[in-house]
Amino acid sequence: MQTLNNGKVTLVGAGPGDPDLFTIKGLKALQKAEVILYDALINPKLLDHNKTAKKIFVGKRRGFTKKTQVEINELIVEYALKGFNVVRLKGGDPLVFGRACEELEVARSFEIQTAIVPGISSYSGIAAQHQIPLTKRAAHESFWVVTGHTKSGKISSDIALAAQSSATVVVLMGMRFLPEIVDTFRQHKGGDYPVAVIQNGTTPAEKSLVADLDSLVDLVNTFNIDNPAALIFGSAVIDPVTDFKNLVNKEVISI
């Protein structure tokens, strides 16, 4: 695409939280950035890789918004049109519930050059941390990754479809509707159906537990587990290769 300016916007995935899970390509992009717009879920240690760039926090979490998406879009355009190399540093992978399309569309509408550097998504990074096999031949042969809530703030209707499958189901951003999500699964699975919940996955602040549908909500309340967290439903979380016991400084409960 022919651009009208020398600016560029690169969406960079920061990974699930552990700074060592940042990609080499992401690191190179970050080091070349002149402006960095970063999310709440990125590890702040990553910002140390660039001492000179202008760094702007644009994080959003439930109940707290530093910048709206419209304001973030405006900042992307503002700095790129001034000719700056802008990195939009996003938790996980930009293309997995990262609003990448909205930011790409607004940049392209101003004919700004764009690029994406993928990151390790929280669903795969957290599963790997706990050696949870999202797929396993002849056991769990597919997996779903579903958002816990939609743009309208309601529970995703895809969860009901996923709950009917034999697949491993990962629900991201689902703690707000945890009781409703559990009830949805109980319509199709038994009360002893296994589920794991991992908060702040791959970081020193991680808390995790393995439960079943009947006990999950009570245990989450007892151990005060909240966002950001991933829910993983299915036999994969109690597969023989899964290992929650090797982790240190974590809350671990087993069914």
Protein backbone atom coordinates (compact mmCIF):
# COMPACT_ATOMS: atom_id res chain seq x y z
CA MET A 1 0.00 0.00 0.00
CA GLN A 2 1.31 3.44 -0.88
CA THR A 3 1.43 5.59 2.24
CA LEU A 4 1.20 9.36 2.61
CA ASN A 5 3.70 9.54 5.47
CA ASN A 6 6.75 7.87 6.93
CA GLY A 7 5.00 6.66 10.07
CA LYS A 8 4.23 3.04 10.80
CA VAL A 9 2.05 1.14 13.27
CA THR A 10 3.06 -2.33 14.44
CA LEU A 11 0.77 -4.39 16.64
CA VAL A 12 3.01 -6.53 18.83
CA GLY A 13 1.89 -9.45 20.99
CA ALA A 14 3.56 -9.33 24.41
CA GLY A 15 2.69 -12.91 25.36
CA PRO A 16 0.79 -14.23 28.39
CA GLY A 17 2.81 -12.46 31.10
CA ASP A 18 6.21 -14.09 31.49
CA PRO A 19 8.65 -11.66 29.80
CA ASP A 20 10.75 -14.62 28.63
CA LEU A 21 7.82 -15.66 26.42
CA PHE A 22 8.21 -12.51 24.31
CA THR A 23 9.26 -13.27 20.74
CA ILE A 24 12.55 -12.19 19.17
CA LYS A 25 10.64 -10.41 16.39
CA GLY A 26 8.56 -8.59 18.97
CA LEU A 27 11.71 -7.53 20.79
CA LYS A 28 13.23 -6.13 17.60
CA ALA A 29 10.06 -4.15 16.86
CA LEU A 30 9.93 -2.83 20.41
CA GLN A 31 13.55 -1.69 20.32
CA LYS A 32 12.93 0.27 17.10
CA ALA A 33 9.77 1.98 18.37
CA GLU A 34 9.62 5.72 18.91
CA VAL A 35 6.20 5.60 20.57
CA ILE A 36 4.85 2.63 22.58
CA LEU A 37 1.15 2.38 23.46
CA TYR A 38 0.94 -0.45 25.99
CA ASP A 39 -1.83 -2.43 27.67
CA ALA A 40 -2.47 -3.27 31.32
CA LEU A 41 -1.68 -6.96 30.84
CA ILE A 42 1.81 -6.59 29.42
CA ASN A 43 4.77 -7.26 31.70
CA PRO A 44 6.32 -3.84 32.51
CA LYS A 45 9.79 -5.37 32.26
CA LEU A 46 9.35 -5.40 28.50
CA LEU A 47 9.41 -1.61 28.45
CA ASP A 48 12.99 -1.72 29.74
CA HIS A 49 14.10 -2.91 26.30
CA ASN A 50 13.56 0.61 24.94
CA LYS A 51 14.87 3.48 27.06
CA THR A 52 14.17 6.31 24.62
CA ALA A 53 10.67 5.77 23.24
CA LYS A 54 7.69 7.75 24.44
CA LYS A 55 5.60 5.29 26.50
CA ILE A 56 1.85 5.80 26.91
CA PHE A 57 -0.27 3.53 29.12
CA VAL A 58 -3.63 2.82 27.48
CA GLY A 59 -4.73 -0.13 29.59
CA LYS A 60 -8.29 -1.34 29.99
CA ARG A 61 -9.60 -3.70 32.66
CA ARG A 62 -13.01 -4.42 34.07
CA GLY A 63 -14.07 -1.39 36.09
CA PHE A 64 -11.08 0.65 34.95
CA THR A 65 -10.34 2.32 31.65
CA LYS A 66 -7.31 4.57 31.17
CA LYS A 67 -8.18 5.17 27.51
CA THR A 68 -11.23 4.19 25.51
CA GLN A 69 -10.73 2.31 22.25
CA VAL A 70 -11.64 5.46 20.33
CA GLU A 71 -8.95 7.40 22.21
CA ILE A 72 -6.40 4.65 21.54
CA ASN A 73 -7.24 4.75 17.84
CA GLU A 74 -6.77 8.51 17.85
CA LEU A 75 -3.33 8.20 19.48
CA ILE A 76 -2.27 5.59 16.93
CA VAL A 77 -3.22 7.88 14.08
CA GLU A 78 -1.83 11.03 15.70
CA TYR A 79 1.69 9.72 16.22
CA ALA A 80 1.89 7.74 12.98
CA LEU A 81 0.83 10.77 10.93
CA LYS A 82 3.60 12.73 12.61
CA GLY A 83 6.01 10.19 11.14
CA PHE A 84 6.74 8.16 14.26
CA ASN A 85 7.34 4.41 14.40
CA VAL A 86 4.49 3.36 16.70
CA VAL A 87 4.30 0.02 18.51
CA ARG A 88 0.95 -0.99 19.95
CA LEU A 89 2.04 -3.49 22.64
CA LYS A 90 -0.81 -5.83 23.50
CA GLY A 91 -1.11 -8.74 25.92
CA GLY A 92 -1.10 -12.24 24.48
CA ASP A 93 -1.57 -12.29 20.71
CA PRO A 94 -3.05 -9.21 18.98
CA LEU A 95 -5.32 -11.35 16.81
CA VAL A 96 -6.92 -13.25 19.72
CA PHE A 97 -9.51 -10.96 21.36
CA GLY A 98 -7.07 -8.07 21.01
CA ARG A 99 -9.19 -5.61 18.97
CA ALA A 100 -6.52 -5.75 16.31
CA CYS A 101 -9.04 -5.31 13.50
CA GLU A 102 -10.32 -2.02 14.91
CA GLU A 103 -6.83 -0.58 15.17
CA LEU A 104 -5.71 -1.85 11.78
CA GLU A 105 -8.81 -0.46 10.11
CA VAL A 106 -8.39 3.03 11.50
CA ALA A 107 -4.69 3.11 10.61
CA ARG A 108 -5.35 1.92 7.07
CA SER A 109 -8.13 4.48 6.65
CA PHE A 110 -5.37 7.10 6.95
CA GLU A 111 -3.11 5.08 4.64
CA ILE A 112 -0.68 4.38 7.47
CA GLN A 113 1.65 1.42 7.01
CA THR A 114 0.76 -1.44 9.36
CA ALA A 115 2.28 -4.71 10.53
CA ILE A 116 1.54 -7.42 13.09
CA VAL A 117 3.99 -9.38 15.22
CA PRO A 118 2.15 -12.36 16.72
CA GLY A 119 2.55 -13.27 20.36
CA ILE A 120 1.98 -16.36 22.48
CA SER A 121 -1.67 -16.20 23.46
CA SER A 122 -2.68 -16.69 27.08
CA TYR A 123 -4.62 -19.85 26.22
CA SER A 124 -1.58 -21.64 24.79
CA GLY A 125 1.01 -20.13 27.13
CA ILE A 126 -0.94 -21.00 30.27
CA ALA A 127 -1.72 -24.50 29.04
CA ALA A 128 1.96 -25.09 28.33
CA GLN A 129 2.94 -23.74 31.76
CA HIS A 130 0.77 -26.43 33.35
CA GLN A 131 1.52 -29.09 30.71
CA ILE A 132 -2.17 -29.25 29.83
CA PRO A 133 -2.55 -31.01 26.47
CA LEU A 134 -5.22 -28.95 24.73
CA THR A 135 -5.36 -31.74 22.15
CA LYS A 136 -4.45 -35.40 22.50
CA ARG A 137 -4.85 -38.09 19.90
CA ALA A 138 -7.91 -40.32 20.55
CA ALA A 139 -8.80 -38.32 23.67
CA HIS A 140 -9.43 -34.60 23.09
CA GLU A 141 -8.97 -33.98 19.40
CA SER A 142 -9.93 -30.31 19.15
CA PHE A 143 -10.25 -27.21 21.28
CA TRP A 144 -12.36 -24.08 21.41
CA VAL A 145 -11.17 -20.65 22.54
CA VAL A 146 -14.13 -18.48 23.47
CA THR A 147 -14.50 -15.02 24.95
CA GLY A 148 -16.46 -14.87 28.17
CA HIS A 149 -18.35 -11.77 27.15
CA THR A 150 -19.25 -9.97 23.96
CA LYS A 151 -18.88 -6.34 22.92
CA SER A 152 -22.37 -5.71 24.27
CA GLY A 153 -21.28 -6.91 27.70
CA LYS A 154 -23.30 -10.12 27.61
CA ILE A 155 -22.18 -13.72 27.95
CA SER A 156 -21.09 -15.18 24.61
CA SER A 157 -23.65 -17.50 22.99
CA ASP A 158 -20.75 -19.56 21.61
CA ILE A 159 -20.13 -20.93 25.12
CA ALA A 160 -23.34 -22.95 24.93
CA LEU A 161 -22.20 -24.44 21.64
CA ALA A 162 -18.74 -25.23 22.99
CA ALA A 163 -20.20 -26.89 26.08
CA GLN A 164 -21.97 -29.44 23.89
CA SER A 165 -18.74 -30.59 22.24
CA SER A 166 -16.16 -33.13 23.37
CA ALA A 167 -13.40 -30.56 22.82
CA THR A 168 -11.22 -28.87 25.39
CA VAL A 169 -12.82 -25.45 25.93
CA VAL A 170 -10.81 -22.39 26.98
CA VAL A 171 -12.80 -19.36 28.10
CA LEU A 172 -10.91 -16.07 28.34
CA MET A 173 -12.26 -13.04 30.19
CA GLY A 174 -14.99 -15.18 31.69
CA MET A 175 -14.82 -14.53 35.43
CA ARG A 176 -17.55 -11.89 35.30
CA PHE A 177 -20.03 -14.55 34.18
CA LEU A 178 -18.51 -17.56 35.96
CA PRO A 179 -21.75 -18.84 37.57
CA GLU A 180 -23.60 -18.51 34.26
CA ILE A 181 -20.80 -20.24 32.35
CA VAL A 182 -20.73 -23.10 34.84
CA ASP A 183 -24.52 -23.47 34.63
CA THR A 184 -24.26 -23.60 30.84
CA PHE A 185 -21.76 -26.46 31.01
CA ARG A 186 -23.88 -28.31 33.59
CA GLN A 187 -26.70 -28.46 31.07
CA HIS A 188 -24.51 -30.72 28.94
CA LYS A 189 -21.95 -32.23 31.32
CA GLY A 190 -22.05 -33.91 34.71
CA GLY A 191 -21.28 -32.10 37.92
CA ASP A 192 -17.94 -33.91 38.12
CA TYR A 193 -16.77 -32.50 34.78
CA PRO A 194 -13.24 -31.14 35.36
CA VAL A 195 -12.22 -27.52 34.98
CA ALA A 196 -9.13 -25.49 35.78
CA VAL A 197 -8.94 -21.77 36.48
CA ILE A 198 -5.62 -19.92 36.30
CA GLN A 199 -5.24 -16.28 37.31
CA ASN A 200 -2.20 -14.24 36.19
CA GLY A 201 -0.89 -17.23 34.28
CA THR A 202 2.89 -17.61 33.74
CA THR A 203 3.68 -14.84 36.25
CA PRO A 204 4.92 -14.95 39.88
CA ALA A 205 1.45 -13.77 40.96
CA GLU A 206 -0.24 -16.83 39.45
CA LYS A 207 -2.97 -18.67 41.38
CA SER A 208 -4.56 -21.83 40.03
CA LEU A 209 -6.94 -24.57 40.98
CA VAL A 210 -8.49 -27.70 39.52
CA ALA A 211 -12.09 -28.39 40.44
CA ASP A 212 -15.32 -29.71 38.93
CA LEU A 213 -18.48 -27.95 37.85
CA ASP A 214 -20.15 -28.56 41.20
CA SER A 215 -17.37 -27.03 43.30
CA LEU A 216 -15.74 -24.46 41.03
CA VAL A 217 -17.67 -21.31 41.97
CA ASP A 218 -17.33 -21.90 45.71
CA LEU A 219 -13.59 -22.61 45.44
CA VAL A 220 -12.99 -19.54 43.29
CA ASN A 221 -14.72 -17.42 45.94
CA THR A 222 -12.84 -19.14 48.78
CA PHE A 223 -9.43 -18.54 47.24
CA ASN A 224 -10.34 -15.11 45.83
CA ILE A 225 -9.44 -15.88 42.23
CA ASP A 226 -10.45 -13.18 39.77
CA ASN A 227 -9.45 -11.55 36.49
CA PRO A 228 -7.28 -11.85 34.54
CA ALA A 229 -7.92 -15.57 34.43
CA ALA A 230 -8.37 -18.40 31.96
CA LEU A 231 -10.91 -21.19 32.39
CA ILE A 232 -10.11 -24.57 30.86
CA PHE A 233 -12.90 -27.15 30.69
CA GLY A 234 -12.45 -30.83 29.88
CA SER A 235 -10.49 -33.97 30.63
CA ALA A 236 -7.27 -32.30 29.44
CA VAL A 237 -6.91 -30.57 32.81
CA ILE A 238 -6.66 -33.93 34.63
CA ASP A 239 -4.74 -35.77 31.90
CA PRO A 240 -1.84 -37.84 33.30
CA VAL A 241 0.72 -35.53 31.69
CA THR A 242 -0.79 -32.43 33.28
CA ASP A 243 1.29 -31.13 36.14
CA PHE A 244 0.12 -28.48 38.58
CA LYS A 245 2.47 -29.68 41.29
CA ASN A 246 5.78 -28.43 39.87
CA LEU A 247 4.81 -24.78 40.29
CA VAL A 248 6.00 -22.74 43.26
CA ASN A 249 4.29 -19.94 45.17
CA LYS A 250 0.90 -20.88 43.71
CA GLU A 251 -2.41 -21.79 45.27
CA VAL A 252 -3.17 -25.30 44.02
CA ILE A 253 -6.25 -27.32 44.82
CA SER A 254 -7.01 -30.67 43.21
CA ILE A 255 -10.30 -32.49 42.87
